[in-house]
Amino acid sequence: MRKLLNTLYVTNPDSYLVKDGDNVVVRVDNTERFRIPVYNLEGIVCFGYMGASPKLMRLCSDNNIALSFLSPQGQFQARVSGRVRGNVLLRRTQYRMADSASDSLEVAKSFIIGKTVNCRTVLGRGIRDHGDTVDNMKVTTADRLLIEHMLKIEDCTTADSLRGIEGNCARFYFSALDELILKQKDDFYLRERNRRPPRDNMNAMLSFLYTLLAHDVESALETVGLDPYVGFFHTDRPGRASLALDMMEELRPFMADRLALNLINLNQVKAKDFLKKENGGVLMTDDGRKEILGAWQKRKQDEVTHPYLGEKISVGLIPYVQAMLMARHLRGDIDGYPPFFMN
């Protein structure tokens, strides 16, 4: 099993990354602030506009290290990709399956079943752990609607009908997720999912966590030799990592939504960690972003038993394992793609 290495998050917007031998060096105003051997890294995420030297980019490419650039507020800007790796036969199979409406639909169903089951698990845990404080009727009603729609997935005959079910399930889930915010209710709430820009603190945090997850999933797909830009559920669009977005669907409730709830309910993030702009958009402060990044890294170190493999793995390796299972399905080693179901 692959070893979980470190992801370097560079939060100072004035940072510039350079190569020194086999080391990644972070400089601010031409002064070295940090260095780390490249062999200890599996990814680098930079929040700022200064960038990195071409030699550093080449070092990351040669060592299969994902290098992404985000704005200081956490909006995705760009990703550096090196030479295409992986088995060309695997990618050709991926492209053929993506071009087949029926084959794509079967894989897409697995993603949405995984997402719906995991959404139900998040809501179920809320009732189990906090049944005396949440609106049980509201949560159980959302859960019932999720079940009803999930039972319709297998009978879907078109991608559009599946997208309709997924959209409805998302609305049911997010309407009930607000009930699981137990603390700081005046500052954190979820009336609806909004983005570009997010218009409340909760949506701003979810968008940030989804961006971090997207980085990890895209990197995992590239590692096993798949093309993250050719998916089965999200339509192809220039610059859109459709397969990464597909695979994120089943992972969001477990890796991002639950973490956001914990950060709020444990008072690890607060209203002071967010700023509202004149246009109504909400941004995170530097301190808030660092708190969330620290919690994200810590969460990735936790261990879970993978439901399909039956082995204990780090949470941070879940995207890699799912990418590996997708590759195995495309090769014909397993009959279908097994989504990740959280415990």
C-alpha atoms as a PDB file:
ATOM      1  CA  MET A   1       0.000   0.000   0.000  1.00  0.00           C
ATOM      2  CA  ARG A   2       1.180   3.492  -0.833  1.00  0.00           C
ATOM      3  CA  LYS A   3       2.605   5.539   2.056  1.00  0.00           C
ATOM      4  CA  LEU A   4       0.883   8.787   2.986  1.00  0.00           C
ATOM      5  CA  LEU A   5       3.419  11.606   2.649  1.00  0.00           C
ATOM      6  CA  ASN A   6       3.114  15.293   3.484  1.00  0.00           C
ATOM      7  CA  THR A   7       1.332  18.053   1.606  1.00  0.00           C
ATOM      8  CA  LEU A   8       3.054  21.432   1.874  1.00  0.00           C
ATOM      9  CA  TYR A   9       0.608  24.326   2.207  1.00  0.00           C
ATOM     10  CA  VAL A  10       2.273  27.694   1.507  1.00  0.00           C
ATOM     11  CA  THR A  11      -0.044  30.342   2.966  1.00  0.00           C
ATOM     12  CA  ASN A  12       2.086  33.495   2.733  1.00  0.00           C
ATOM     13  CA  PRO A  13       0.952  35.233  -0.497  1.00  0.00           C
ATOM     14  CA  ASP A  14       4.442  36.713  -0.948  1.00  0.00           C
ATOM     15  CA  SER A  15       6.131  33.312  -1.028  1.00  0.00           C
ATOM     16  CA  TYR A  16       8.140  32.116  -4.024  1.00  0.00           C
ATOM     17  CA  LEU A  17       9.194  28.480  -4.391  1.00  0.00           C
ATOM     18  CA  VAL A  18      12.592  27.463  -5.757  1.00  0.00           C
ATOM     19  CA  LYS A  19      14.654  24.299  -6.153  1.00  0.00           C
ATOM     20  CA  ASP A  20      17.898  23.761  -4.262  1.00  0.00           C
ATOM     21  CA  GLY A  21      19.293  20.326  -5.065  1.00  0.00           C
ATOM     22  CA  ASP A  22      16.575  17.875  -4.061  1.00  0.00           C
ATOM     23  CA  ASN A  23      14.919  20.365  -1.731  1.00  0.00           C
ATOM     24  CA  VAL A  24      11.861  22.582  -2.062  1.00  0.00           C
ATOM     25  CA  VAL A  25      12.718  26.019  -0.674  1.00  0.00           C
ATOM     26  CA  VAL A  26      10.165  28.694   0.255  1.00  0.00           C
ATOM     27  CA  ARG A  27      11.456  32.268  -0.020  1.00  0.00           C
ATOM     28  CA  VAL A  28       9.852  35.542   1.038  1.00  0.00           C
ATOM     29  CA  ASP A  29      11.547  38.756  -0.106  1.00  0.00           C
ATOM     30  CA  ASN A  30      14.550  36.662  -1.244  1.00  0.00           C
ATOM     31  CA  THR A  31      14.957  35.277   2.282  1.00  0.00           C
ATOM     32  CA  GLU A  32      14.689  31.541   2.876  1.00  0.00           C
ATOM     33  CA  ARG A  33      11.846  30.748   5.252  1.00  0.00           C
ATOM     34  CA  PHE A  34      11.462  26.982   4.887  1.00  0.00           C
ATOM     35  CA  ARG A  35      12.920  23.981   3.112  1.00  0.00           C
ATOM     36  CA  ILE A  36      11.958  20.315   2.847  1.00  0.00           C
ATOM     37  CA  PRO A  37      13.383  17.362   0.880  1.00  0.00           C
ATOM     38  CA  VAL A  38      11.239  16.620  -2.157  1.00  0.00           C
ATOM     39  CA  TYR A  39      11.086  12.943  -1.198  1.00  0.00           C
ATOM     40  CA  ASN A  40       8.993  13.818   1.876  1.00  0.00           C
ATOM     41  CA  LEU A  41       6.231  15.406  -0.194  1.00  0.00           C
ATOM     42  CA  GLU A  42       3.296  14.203  -2.254  1.00  0.00           C
ATOM     43  CA  GLY A  43       1.776  17.601  -2.932  1.00  0.00           C
ATOM     44  CA  ILE A  44       2.259  21.389  -2.716  1.00  0.00           C
ATOM     45  CA  VAL A  45      -0.565  23.926  -2.522  1.00  0.00           C
ATOM     46  CA  CYS A  46       0.349  27.622  -2.798  1.00  0.00           C
ATOM     47  CA  PHE A  47      -1.998  30.419  -1.728  1.00  0.00           C
ATOM     48  CA  GLY A  48      -0.750  33.488  -3.577  1.00  0.00           C
ATOM     49  CA  TYR A  49       0.386  34.902  -6.887  1.00  0.00           C
ATOM     50  CA  MET A  50       4.197  34.856  -6.707  1.00  0.00           C
ATOM     51  CA  GLY A  51       4.481  31.290  -8.003  1.00  0.00           C
ATOM     52  CA  ALA A  52       7.457  28.993  -8.410  1.00  0.00           C
ATOM     53  CA  SER A  53      10.582  28.700 -10.528  1.00  0.00           C
ATOM     54  CA  PRO A  54      10.550  26.503 -13.660  1.00  0.00           C
ATOM     55  CA  LYS A  55      13.219  24.288 -12.072  1.00  0.00           C
ATOM     56  CA  LEU A  56      10.997  23.726  -9.045  1.00  0.00           C
ATOM     57  CA  MET A  57       8.096  22.849 -11.332  1.00  0.00           C
ATOM     58  CA  ARG A  58      10.311  20.336 -13.146  1.00  0.00           C
ATOM     59  CA  LEU A  59      11.418  18.850  -9.819  1.00  0.00           C
ATOM     60  CA  CYS A  60       7.786  18.335  -8.824  1.00  0.00           C
ATOM     61  CA  SER A  61       6.910  16.854 -12.196  1.00  0.00           C
ATOM     62  CA  ASP A  62       9.822  14.403 -12.136  1.00  0.00           C
ATOM     63  CA  ASN A  63       8.865  13.230  -8.641  1.00  0.00           C
ATOM     64  CA  ASN A  64       5.119  13.008  -9.321  1.00  0.00           C
ATOM     65  CA  ILE A  65       4.319  15.773  -6.825  1.00  0.00           C
ATOM     66  CA  ALA A  66       1.049  17.620  -7.374  1.00  0.00           C
ATOM     67  CA  LEU A  67       1.633  21.378  -7.508  1.00  0.00           C
ATOM     68  CA  SER A  68      -1.457  23.618  -7.351  1.00  0.00           C
ATOM     69  CA  PHE A  69      -1.856  27.382  -7.102  1.00  0.00           C
ATOM     70  CA  LEU A  70      -4.806  28.972  -5.297  1.00  0.00           C
ATOM     71  CA  SER A  71      -5.649  32.604  -4.656  1.00  0.00           C
ATOM     72  CA  PRO A  72      -5.034  33.897  -1.109  1.00  0.00           C
ATOM     73  CA  GLN A  73      -8.773  33.312  -0.527  1.00  0.00           C
ATOM     74  CA  GLY A  74      -8.570  29.671  -1.632  1.00  0.00           C
ATOM     75  CA  GLN A  75      -9.951  29.899  -5.183  1.00  0.00           C
ATOM     76  CA  PHE A  76      -8.323  27.525  -7.642  1.00  0.00           C
ATOM     77  CA  GLN A  77      -5.986  29.282 -10.102  1.00  0.00           C
ATOM     78  CA  ALA A  78      -3.840  26.682 -11.860  1.00  0.00           C
ATOM     79  CA  ARG A  79      -2.176  23.312 -11.596  1.00  0.00           C
ATOM     80  CA  VAL A  80       1.201  22.264 -12.945  1.00  0.00           C
ATOM     81  CA  SER A  81       1.229  18.980 -14.836  1.00  0.00           C
ATOM     82  CA  GLY A  82       4.300  17.304 -16.216  1.00  0.00           C
ATOM     83  CA  ARG A  83       4.645  14.669 -18.872  1.00  0.00           C
ATOM     84  CA  VAL A  84       1.684  12.319 -19.226  1.00  0.00           C
ATOM     85  CA  ARG A  85       2.283   9.122 -17.285  1.00  0.00           C
ATOM     86  CA  GLY A  86       0.441   5.863 -17.001  1.00  0.00           C
ATOM     87  CA  ASN A  87      -0.543   2.998 -19.231  1.00  0.00           C
ATOM     88  CA  VAL A  88      -1.786   4.335 -22.559  1.00  0.00           C
ATOM     89  CA  LEU A  89      -4.071   1.297 -22.859  1.00  0.00           C
ATOM     90  CA  LEU A  90      -5.718   2.215 -19.560  1.00  0.00           C
ATOM     91  CA  ARG A  91      -6.419   5.753 -20.746  1.00  0.00           C
ATOM     92  CA  ARG A  92      -7.725   4.544 -24.093  1.00  0.00           C
ATOM     93  CA  THR A  93     -10.149   2.303 -22.209  1.00  0.00           C
ATOM     94  CA  GLN A  94     -11.171   5.270 -20.058  1.00  0.00           C
ATOM     95  CA  TYR A  95     -11.839   7.391 -23.155  1.00  0.00           C
ATOM     96  CA  ARG A  96     -13.873   4.663 -24.850  1.00  0.00           C
ATOM     97  CA  MET A  97     -15.995   4.161 -21.730  1.00  0.00           C
ATOM     98  CA  ALA A  98     -16.485   7.918 -21.346  1.00  0.00           C
ATOM     99  CA  ASP A  99     -17.710   8.080 -24.964  1.00  0.00           C
ATOM    100  CA  SER A 100     -20.267   5.344 -24.292  1.00  0.00           C
ATOM    101  CA  ALA A 101     -23.461   6.744 -22.780  1.00  0.00           C
ATOM    102  CA  SER A 102     -24.469   3.411 -21.254  1.00  0.00           C
ATOM    103  CA  ASP A 103     -21.045   2.586 -19.797  1.00  0.00           C
ATOM    104  CA  SER A 104     -20.636   6.109 -18.392  1.00  0.00           C
ATOM    105  CA  LEU A 105     -24.074   5.946 -16.809  1.00  0.00           C
ATOM    106  CA  GLU A 106     -23.280   2.737 -14.928  1.00  0.00           C
ATOM    107  CA  VAL A 107     -20.115   4.223 -13.419  1.00  0.00           C
ATOM    108  CA  ALA A 108     -21.887   7.503 -12.634  1.00  0.00           C
ATOM    109  CA  LYS A 109     -24.590   5.598 -10.753  1.00  0.00           C
ATOM    110  CA  SER A 110     -21.925   4.190  -8.435  1.00  0.00           C
ATOM    111  CA  PHE A 111     -20.634   7.691  -7.646  1.00  0.00           C
ATOM    112  CA  ILE A 112     -24.110   8.993  -6.791  1.00  0.00           C
ATOM    113  CA  ILE A 113     -25.081   5.917  -4.771  1.00  0.00           C
ATOM    114  CA  GLY A 114     -21.881   6.348  -2.757  1.00  0.00           C
ATOM    115  CA  LYS A 115     -22.601  10.039  -2.230  1.00  0.00           C
ATOM    116  CA  THR A 116     -26.212   9.452  -1.169  1.00  0.00           C
ATOM    117  CA  VAL A 117     -25.332   6.662   1.246  1.00  0.00           C
ATOM    118  CA  ASN A 118     -22.620   8.806   2.835  1.00  0.00           C
ATOM    119  CA  CYS A 119     -24.976  11.791   3.120  1.00  0.00           C
ATOM    120  CA  ARG A 120     -27.441   9.542   4.940  1.00  0.00           C
ATOM    121  CA  THR A 121     -24.663   8.385   7.277  1.00  0.00           C
ATOM    122  CA  VAL A 122     -23.783  11.980   8.191  1.00  0.00           C
ATOM    123  CA  LEU A 123     -27.424  12.737   8.988  1.00  0.00           C
ATOM    124  CA  GLY A 124     -27.847   9.466  10.860  1.00  0.00           C
ATOM    125  CA  ARG A 125     -24.870  10.203  13.070  1.00  0.00           C
ATOM    126  CA  GLY A 126     -26.331  13.606  13.854  1.00  0.00           C
ATOM    127  CA  ILE A 127     -29.538  12.012  15.128  1.00  0.00           C
ATOM    128  CA  ARG A 128     -27.663   9.296  17.006  1.00  0.00           C
ATOM    129  CA  ASP A 129     -25.262  11.651  18.756  1.00  0.00           C
ATOM    130  CA  HIS A 130     -27.444  14.733  19.184  1.00  0.00           C
ATOM    131  CA  GLY A 131     -31.022  13.493  18.964  1.00  0.00           C
ATOM    132  CA  ASP A 132     -32.036  15.602  21.952  1.00  0.00           C
ATOM    133  CA  THR A 133     -30.919  18.880  20.367  1.00  0.00           C
ATOM    134  CA  VAL A 134     -31.578  18.591  16.610  1.00  0.00           C
ATOM    135  CA  ASP A 135     -34.921  18.778  14.822  1.00  0.00           C
ATOM    136  CA  ASN A 136     -35.395  15.031  14.389  1.00  0.00           C
ATOM    137  CA  MET A 137     -38.415  15.456  12.126  1.00  0.00           C
ATOM    138  CA  LYS A 138     -36.507  17.656   9.686  1.00  0.00           C
ATOM    139  CA  VAL A 139     -33.496  15.335   9.565  1.00  0.00           C
ATOM    140  CA  THR A 140     -35.506  12.112   9.302  1.00  0.00           C
ATOM    141  CA  THR A 141     -37.674  13.631   6.553  1.00  0.00           C
ATOM    142  CA  ALA A 142     -34.549  14.480   4.550  1.00  0.00           C
ATOM    143  CA  ASP A 143     -33.241  10.972   5.144  1.00  0.00           C
ATOM    144  CA  ARG A 144     -36.512   9.432   3.908  1.00  0.00           C
ATOM    145  CA  LEU A 145     -36.363  11.551   0.744  1.00  0.00           C
ATOM    146  CA  LEU A 146     -32.761  10.469   0.174  1.00  0.00           C
ATOM    147  CA  ILE A 147     -33.820   6.822   0.404  1.00  0.00           C
ATOM    148  CA  GLU A 148     -36.711   7.334  -2.013  1.00  0.00           C
ATOM    149  CA  HIS A 149     -34.486   8.996  -4.590  1.00  0.00           C
ATOM    150  CA  MET A 150     -31.625   6.556  -4.121  1.00  0.00           C
ATOM    151  CA  LEU A 151     -33.968   3.682  -4.979  1.00  0.00           C
ATOM    152  CA  LYS A 152     -34.644   5.387  -8.313  1.00  0.00           C
ATOM    153  CA  ILE A 153     -30.967   5.492  -9.317  1.00  0.00           C
ATOM    154  CA  GLU A 154     -30.751   1.935 -10.602  1.00  0.00           C
ATOM    155  CA  ASP A 155     -33.671   2.540 -12.974  1.00  0.00           C
ATOM    156  CA  CYS A 156     -32.154   5.702 -14.499  1.00  0.00           C
ATOM    157  CA  THR A 157     -31.743   5.393 -18.246  1.00  0.00           C
ATOM    158  CA  THR A 158     -30.131   8.755 -19.020  1.00  0.00           C
ATOM    159  CA  ALA A 159     -27.427  10.944 -17.530  1.00  0.00           C
ATOM    160  CA  ASP A 160     -29.860  13.858 -17.264  1.00  0.00           C
ATOM    161  CA  SER A 161     -32.276  11.861 -15.131  1.00  0.00           C
ATOM    162  CA  LEU A 162     -29.396  10.843 -12.853  1.00  0.00           C
ATOM    163  CA  ARG A 163     -28.306  14.476 -12.547  1.00  0.00           C
ATOM    164  CA  GLY A 164     -31.861  15.370 -11.579  1.00  0.00           C
ATOM    165  CA  ILE A 165     -31.839  12.806  -8.783  1.00  0.00           C
ATOM    166  CA  GLU A 166     -28.414  13.965  -7.604  1.00  0.00           C
ATOM    167  CA  GLY A 167     -29.539  17.602  -7.560  1.00  0.00           C
ATOM    168  CA  ASN A 168     -32.626  16.784  -5.516  1.00  0.00           C
ATOM    169  CA  CYS A 169     -30.621  14.687  -3.062  1.00  0.00           C
ATOM    170  CA  ALA A 170     -28.144  17.518  -2.600  1.00  0.00           C
ATOM    171  CA  ARG A 171     -30.966  19.915  -1.720  1.00  0.00           C
ATOM    172  CA  PHE A 172     -32.505  17.497   0.789  1.00  0.00           C
ATOM    173  CA  TYR A 173     -29.139  16.863   2.396  1.00  0.00           C
ATOM    174  CA  PHE A 174     -27.978  20.466   2.726  1.00  0.00           C
ATOM    175  CA  SER A 175     -31.367  21.568   4.086  1.00  0.00           C
ATOM    176  CA  ALA A 176     -30.950  19.068   6.924  1.00  0.00           C
ATOM    177  CA  LEU A 177     -27.220  19.597   7.402  1.00  0.00           C
ATOM    178  CA  ASP A 178     -27.985  22.987   8.915  1.00  0.00           C
ATOM    179  CA  GLU A 179     -29.587  21.146  11.861  1.00  0.00           C
ATOM    180  CA  LEU A 180     -26.234  19.513  12.655  1.00  0.00           C
ATOM    181  CA  ILE A 181     -24.612  22.898  13.262  1.00  0.00           C
ATOM    182  CA  LEU A 182     -25.015  22.902  17.028  1.00  0.00           C
ATOM    183  CA  LYS A 183     -22.907  25.886  18.075  1.00  0.00           C
ATOM    184  CA  GLN A 184     -22.475  29.476  16.865  1.00  0.00           C
ATOM    185  CA  LYS A 185     -25.815  29.296  15.038  1.00  0.00           C
ATOM    186  CA  ASP A 186     -25.928  33.056  14.425  1.00  0.00           C
ATOM    187  CA  ASP A 187     -22.607  32.943  12.584  1.00  0.00           C
ATOM    188  CA  PHE A 188     -22.757  29.546  10.852  1.00  0.00           C
ATOM    189  CA  TYR A 189     -25.807  28.309   8.982  1.00  0.00           C
ATOM    190  CA  LEU A 190     -26.611  26.566   5.717  1.00  0.00           C
ATOM    191  CA  ARG A 191     -29.784  27.754   4.030  1.00  0.00           C
ATOM    192  CA  GLU A 192     -28.593  26.519   0.636  1.00  0.00           C
ATOM    193  CA  ARG A 193     -25.367  25.607  -1.111  1.00  0.00           C
ATOM    194  CA  ASN A 194     -23.927  28.696  -2.810  1.00  0.00           C
ATOM    195  CA  ARG A 195     -20.519  29.524  -4.277  1.00  0.00           C
ATOM    196  CA  ARG A 196     -18.647  31.824  -6.673  1.00  0.00           C
ATOM    197  CA  PRO A 197     -18.608  33.608  -4.354  1.00  0.00           C
ATOM    198  CA  PRO A 198     -19.864  31.860  -1.206  1.00  0.00           C
ATOM    199  CA  ARG A 199     -22.237  34.180   0.661  1.00  0.00           C
ATOM    200  CA  ASP A 200     -21.999  32.872   4.207  1.00  0.00           C
ATOM    201  CA  ASN A 201     -19.345  31.454   6.516  1.00  0.00           C
ATOM    202  CA  MET A 202     -20.408  27.816   6.183  1.00  0.00           C
ATOM    203  CA  ASN A 203     -20.419  27.868   2.404  1.00  0.00           C
ATOM    204  CA  ALA A 204     -17.036  29.588   2.368  1.00  0.00           C
ATOM    205  CA  MET A 205     -15.563  26.819   4.525  1.00  0.00           C
ATOM    206  CA  LEU A 206     -17.161  24.039   2.467  1.00  0.00           C
ATOM    207  CA  SER A 207     -15.859  25.551  -0.770  1.00  0.00           C
ATOM    208  CA  PHE A 208     -12.364  25.735   0.690  1.00  0.00           C
ATOM    209  CA  LEU A 209     -12.433  22.122   1.883  1.00  0.00           C
ATOM    210  CA  TYR A 210     -13.795  20.946  -1.481  1.00  0.00           C
ATOM    211  CA  THR A 211     -10.889  22.702  -3.210  1.00  0.00           C
ATOM    212  CA  LEU A 212      -8.408  20.852  -0.991  1.00  0.00           C
ATOM    213  CA  LEU A 213     -10.179  17.569  -1.696  1.00  0.00           C
ATOM    214  CA  ALA A 214     -10.147  18.246  -5.439  1.00  0.00           C
ATOM    215  CA  HIS A 215      -6.365  18.693  -5.316  1.00  0.00           C
ATOM    216  CA  ASP A 216      -5.923  15.323  -3.600  1.00  0.00           C
ATOM    217  CA  VAL A 217      -8.332  13.443  -5.878  1.00  0.00           C
ATOM    218  CA  GLU A 218      -6.845  14.839  -9.073  1.00  0.00           C
ATOM    219  CA  SER A 219      -3.372  13.915  -7.882  1.00  0.00           C
ATOM    220  CA  ALA A 220      -4.507  10.385  -7.006  1.00  0.00           C
ATOM    221  CA  LEU A 221      -6.032   9.844 -10.458  1.00  0.00           C
ATOM    222  CA  GLU A 222      -2.853  10.976 -12.166  1.00  0.00           C
ATOM    223  CA  THR A 223      -0.799   8.709  -9.905  1.00  0.00           C
ATOM    224  CA  VAL A 224      -2.619   5.549 -11.055  1.00  0.00           C
ATOM    225  CA  GLY A 225      -2.428   6.607 -14.701  1.00  0.00           C
ATOM    226  CA  LEU A 226      -5.960   7.935 -15.296  1.00  0.00           C
ATOM    227  CA  ASP A 227      -6.891  11.197 -17.006  1.00  0.00           C
ATOM    228  CA  PRO A 228      -8.606  13.372 -14.365  1.00  0.00           C
ATOM    229  CA  TYR A 229     -10.195  15.532 -17.077  1.00  0.00           C
ATOM    230  CA  VAL A 230     -12.312  12.794 -18.677  1.00  0.00           C
ATOM    231  CA  GLY A 231     -15.201  11.782 -16.445  1.00  0.00           C
ATOM    232  CA  PHE A 232     -18.428   9.805 -16.494  1.00  0.00           C
ATOM    233  CA  PHE A 233     -20.914  12.019 -14.610  1.00  0.00           C
ATOM    234  CA  HIS A 234     -19.697  15.611 -15.005  1.00  0.00           C
ATOM    235  CA  THR A 235     -19.673  16.730 -18.618  1.00  0.00           C
ATOM    236  CA  ASP A 236     -16.398  17.494 -20.352  1.00  0.00           C
ATOM    237  CA  ARG A 237     -15.408  21.136 -20.308  1.00  0.00           C
ATOM    238  CA  PRO A 238     -12.043  22.795 -21.060  1.00  0.00           C
ATOM    239  CA  GLY A 239     -10.065  23.077 -17.844  1.00  0.00           C
ATOM    240  CA  ARG A 240     -12.519  21.021 -15.783  1.00  0.00           C
ATOM    241  CA  ALA A 241     -11.166  17.912 -14.045  1.00  0.00           C
ATOM    242  CA  SER A 242     -14.408  16.006 -14.618  1.00  0.00           C
ATOM    243  CA  LEU A 243     -13.288  12.616 -13.281  1.00  0.00           C
ATOM    244  CA  ALA A 244     -11.876  14.253 -10.145  1.00  0.00           C
ATOM    245  CA  LEU A 245     -15.237  15.980  -9.625  1.00  0.00           C
ATOM    246  CA  ASP A 246     -17.000  12.650 -10.202  1.00  0.00           C
ATOM    247  CA  MET A 247     -14.987  10.868  -7.540  1.00  0.00           C
ATOM    248  CA  MET A 248     -15.296  13.762  -5.113  1.00  0.00           C
ATOM    249  CA  GLU A 249     -19.066  13.275  -4.966  1.00  0.00           C
ATOM    250  CA  GLU A 250     -18.844  10.208  -2.726  1.00  0.00           C
ATOM    251  CA  LEU A 251     -16.011  11.633  -0.605  1.00  0.00           C
ATOM    252  CA  ARG A 252     -17.383  15.086   0.242  1.00  0.00           C
ATOM    253  CA  PRO A 253     -19.668  14.037   3.128  1.00  0.00           C
ATOM    254  CA  PHE A 254     -16.960  12.025   4.874  1.00  0.00           C
ATOM    255  CA  MET A 255     -13.827  14.071   4.212  1.00  0.00           C
ATOM    256  CA  ALA A 256     -15.171  17.638   4.061  1.00  0.00           C
ATOM    257  CA  ASP A 257     -18.700  18.059   5.453  1.00  0.00           C
ATOM    258  CA  ARG A 258     -18.064  16.220   8.721  1.00  0.00           C
ATOM    259  CA  LEU A 259     -14.830  18.124   9.260  1.00  0.00           C
ATOM    260  CA  ALA A 260     -16.607  21.446   8.742  1.00  0.00           C
ATOM    261  CA  LEU A 261     -19.257  20.503  11.302  1.00  0.00           C
ATOM    262  CA  ASN A 262     -16.624  19.448  13.834  1.00  0.00           C
ATOM    263  CA  LEU A 263     -14.654  22.672  13.413  1.00  0.00           C
ATOM    264  CA  ILE A 264     -17.753  24.735  14.147  1.00  0.00           C
ATOM    265  CA  ASN A 265     -19.203  22.616  16.930  1.00  0.00           C
ATOM    266  CA  LEU A 266     -15.838  22.427  18.723  1.00  0.00           C
ATOM    267  CA  ASN A 267     -15.344  26.200  18.340  1.00  0.00           C
ATOM    268  CA  GLN A 268     -12.115  25.705  16.396  1.00  0.00           C
ATOM    269  CA  VAL A 269     -13.293  28.225  13.805  1.00  0.00           C
ATOM    270  CA  LYS A 270     -15.275  31.319  14.666  1.00  0.00           C
ATOM    271  CA  ALA A 271     -16.927  34.281  13.006  1.00  0.00           C
ATOM    272  CA  LYS A 272     -13.725  36.317  13.317  1.00  0.00           C
ATOM    273  CA  ASP A 273     -12.075  33.898  10.882  1.00  0.00           C
ATOM    274  CA  PHE A 274     -14.270  35.179   8.019  1.00  0.00           C
ATOM    275  CA  LEU A 275     -14.724  38.520   6.279  1.00  0.00           C
ATOM    276  CA  LYS A 276     -17.698  39.727   4.233  1.00  0.00           C
ATOM    277  CA  LYS A 277     -16.950  41.821   1.148  1.00  0.00           C
ATOM    278  CA  GLU A 278     -19.066  44.636  -0.270  1.00  0.00           C
ATOM    279  CA  ASN A 279     -20.408  42.348  -3.008  1.00  0.00           C
ATOM    280  CA  GLY A 280     -21.719  39.922  -0.376  1.00  0.00           C
ATOM    281  CA  GLY A 281     -19.002  37.315  -0.879  1.00  0.00           C
ATOM    282  CA  VAL A 282     -17.331  35.799   2.181  1.00  0.00           C
ATOM    283  CA  LEU A 283     -13.578  35.264   2.508  1.00  0.00           C
ATOM    284  CA  MET A 284     -11.497  33.510   5.129  1.00  0.00           C
ATOM    285  CA  THR A 285      -8.823  35.303   7.107  1.00  0.00           C
ATOM    286  CA  ASP A 286      -5.248  34.026   7.194  1.00  0.00           C
ATOM    287  CA  ASP A 287      -5.764  32.681  10.710  1.00  0.00           C
ATOM    288  CA  GLY A 288      -8.958  30.917   9.726  1.00  0.00           C
ATOM    289  CA  ARG A 289      -7.356  29.319   6.689  1.00  0.00           C
ATOM    290  CA  LYS A 290      -4.415  28.082   8.743  1.00  0.00           C
ATOM    291  CA  GLU A 291      -6.745  26.577  11.357  1.00  0.00           C
ATOM    292  CA  ILE A 292      -8.680  24.687   8.702  1.00  0.00           C
ATOM    293  CA  LEU A 293      -5.507  23.509   6.953  1.00  0.00           C
ATOM    294  CA  GLY A 294      -4.153  22.173  10.231  1.00  0.00           C
ATOM    295  CA  ALA A 295      -7.381  20.286  10.910  1.00  0.00           C
ATOM    296  CA  TRP A 296      -7.400  18.939   7.329  1.00  0.00           C
ATOM    297  CA  GLN A 297      -3.872  17.592   7.656  1.00  0.00           C
ATOM    298  CA  LYS A 298      -4.642  16.034  11.033  1.00  0.00           C
ATOM    299  CA  ARG A 299      -7.796  14.404   9.698  1.00  0.00           C
ATOM    300  CA  LYS A 300      -5.843  12.819   6.851  1.00  0.00           C
ATOM    301  CA  GLN A 301      -3.665  11.022   9.393  1.00  0.00           C
ATOM    302  CA  ASP A 302      -6.631   9.227  10.995  1.00  0.00           C
ATOM    303  CA  GLU A 303      -7.118   5.558  10.143  1.00  0.00           C
ATOM    304  CA  VAL A 304     -10.260   3.845   8.880  1.00  0.00           C
ATOM    305  CA  THR A 305     -11.026   0.354   7.635  1.00  0.00           C
ATOM    306  CA  HIS A 306     -11.729   0.509   3.928  1.00  0.00           C
ATOM    307  CA  PRO A 307     -15.110  -1.179   3.317  1.00  0.00           C
ATOM    308  CA  TYR A 308     -14.059  -2.891   0.071  1.00  0.00           C
ATOM    309  CA  LEU A 309     -10.447  -3.803   0.814  1.00  0.00           C
ATOM    310  CA  GLY A 310     -11.051  -4.642   4.472  1.00  0.00           C
ATOM    311  CA  GLU A 311      -7.706  -3.028   5.341  1.00  0.00           C
ATOM    312  CA  LYS A 312      -6.848  -0.132   7.628  1.00  0.00           C
ATOM    313  CA  ILE A 313      -5.665   2.916   5.709  1.00  0.00           C
ATOM    314  CA  SER A 314      -5.101   6.598   6.436  1.00  0.00           C
ATOM    315  CA  VAL A 315      -8.007   8.870   5.542  1.00  0.00           C
ATOM    316  CA  GLY A 316      -5.633  10.774   3.277  1.00  0.00           C
ATOM    317  CA  LEU A 317      -5.147   7.642   1.152  1.00  0.00           C
ATOM    318  CA  ILE A 318      -8.843   7.164   0.401  1.00  0.00           C
ATOM    319  CA  PRO A 319      -8.680   9.164  -2.884  1.00  0.00           C
ATOM    320  CA  TYR A 320      -5.713   7.059  -4.012  1.00  0.00           C
ATOM    321  CA  VAL A 321      -7.460   3.772  -3.161  1.00  0.00           C
ATOM    322  CA  GLN A 322     -10.609   4.835  -5.004  1.00  0.00           C
ATOM    323  CA  ALA A 323      -8.550   5.871  -8.022  1.00  0.00           C
ATOM    324  CA  MET A 324      -6.815   2.487  -7.935  1.00  0.00           C
ATOM    325  CA  LEU A 325     -10.183   0.698  -7.798  1.00  0.00           C
ATOM    326  CA  MET A 326     -11.386   2.741 -10.766  1.00  0.00           C
ATOM    327  CA  ALA A 327      -8.295   1.701 -12.727  1.00  0.00           C
ATOM    328  CA  ARG A 328      -8.915  -1.936 -11.801  1.00  0.00           C
ATOM    329  CA  HIS A 329     -12.493  -1.678 -13.024  1.00  0.00           C
ATOM    330  CA  LEU A 330     -11.399  -0.165 -16.336  1.00  0.00           C
ATOM    331  CA  ARG A 331      -8.869  -2.962 -16.790  1.00  0.00           C
ATOM    332  CA  GLY A 332     -11.598  -5.534 -16.184  1.00  0.00           C
ATOM    333  CA  ASP A 333     -10.100  -6.844 -12.938  1.00  0.00           C
ATOM    334  CA  ILE A 334     -13.347  -6.130 -11.039  1.00  0.00           C
ATOM    335  CA  ASP A 335     -16.869  -6.063 -12.431  1.00  0.00           C
ATOM    336  CA  GLY A 336     -17.862  -2.601 -11.245  1.00  0.00           C
ATOM    337  CA  TYR A 337     -16.503   0.445  -9.487  1.00  0.00           C
ATOM    338  CA  PRO A 338     -17.013   0.080  -5.702  1.00  0.00           C
ATOM    339  CA  PRO A 339     -17.698   3.482  -4.119  1.00  0.00           C
ATOM    340  CA  PHE A 340     -16.384   4.367  -0.676  1.00  0.00           C
ATOM    341  CA  PHE A 341     -19.010   3.978   2.045  1.00  0.00           C
ATOM    342  CA  MET A 342     -18.208   5.692   5.334  1.00  0.00           C
ATOM    343  CA  ASN A 343     -18.780   3.815   8.574  1.00  0.00           C
END
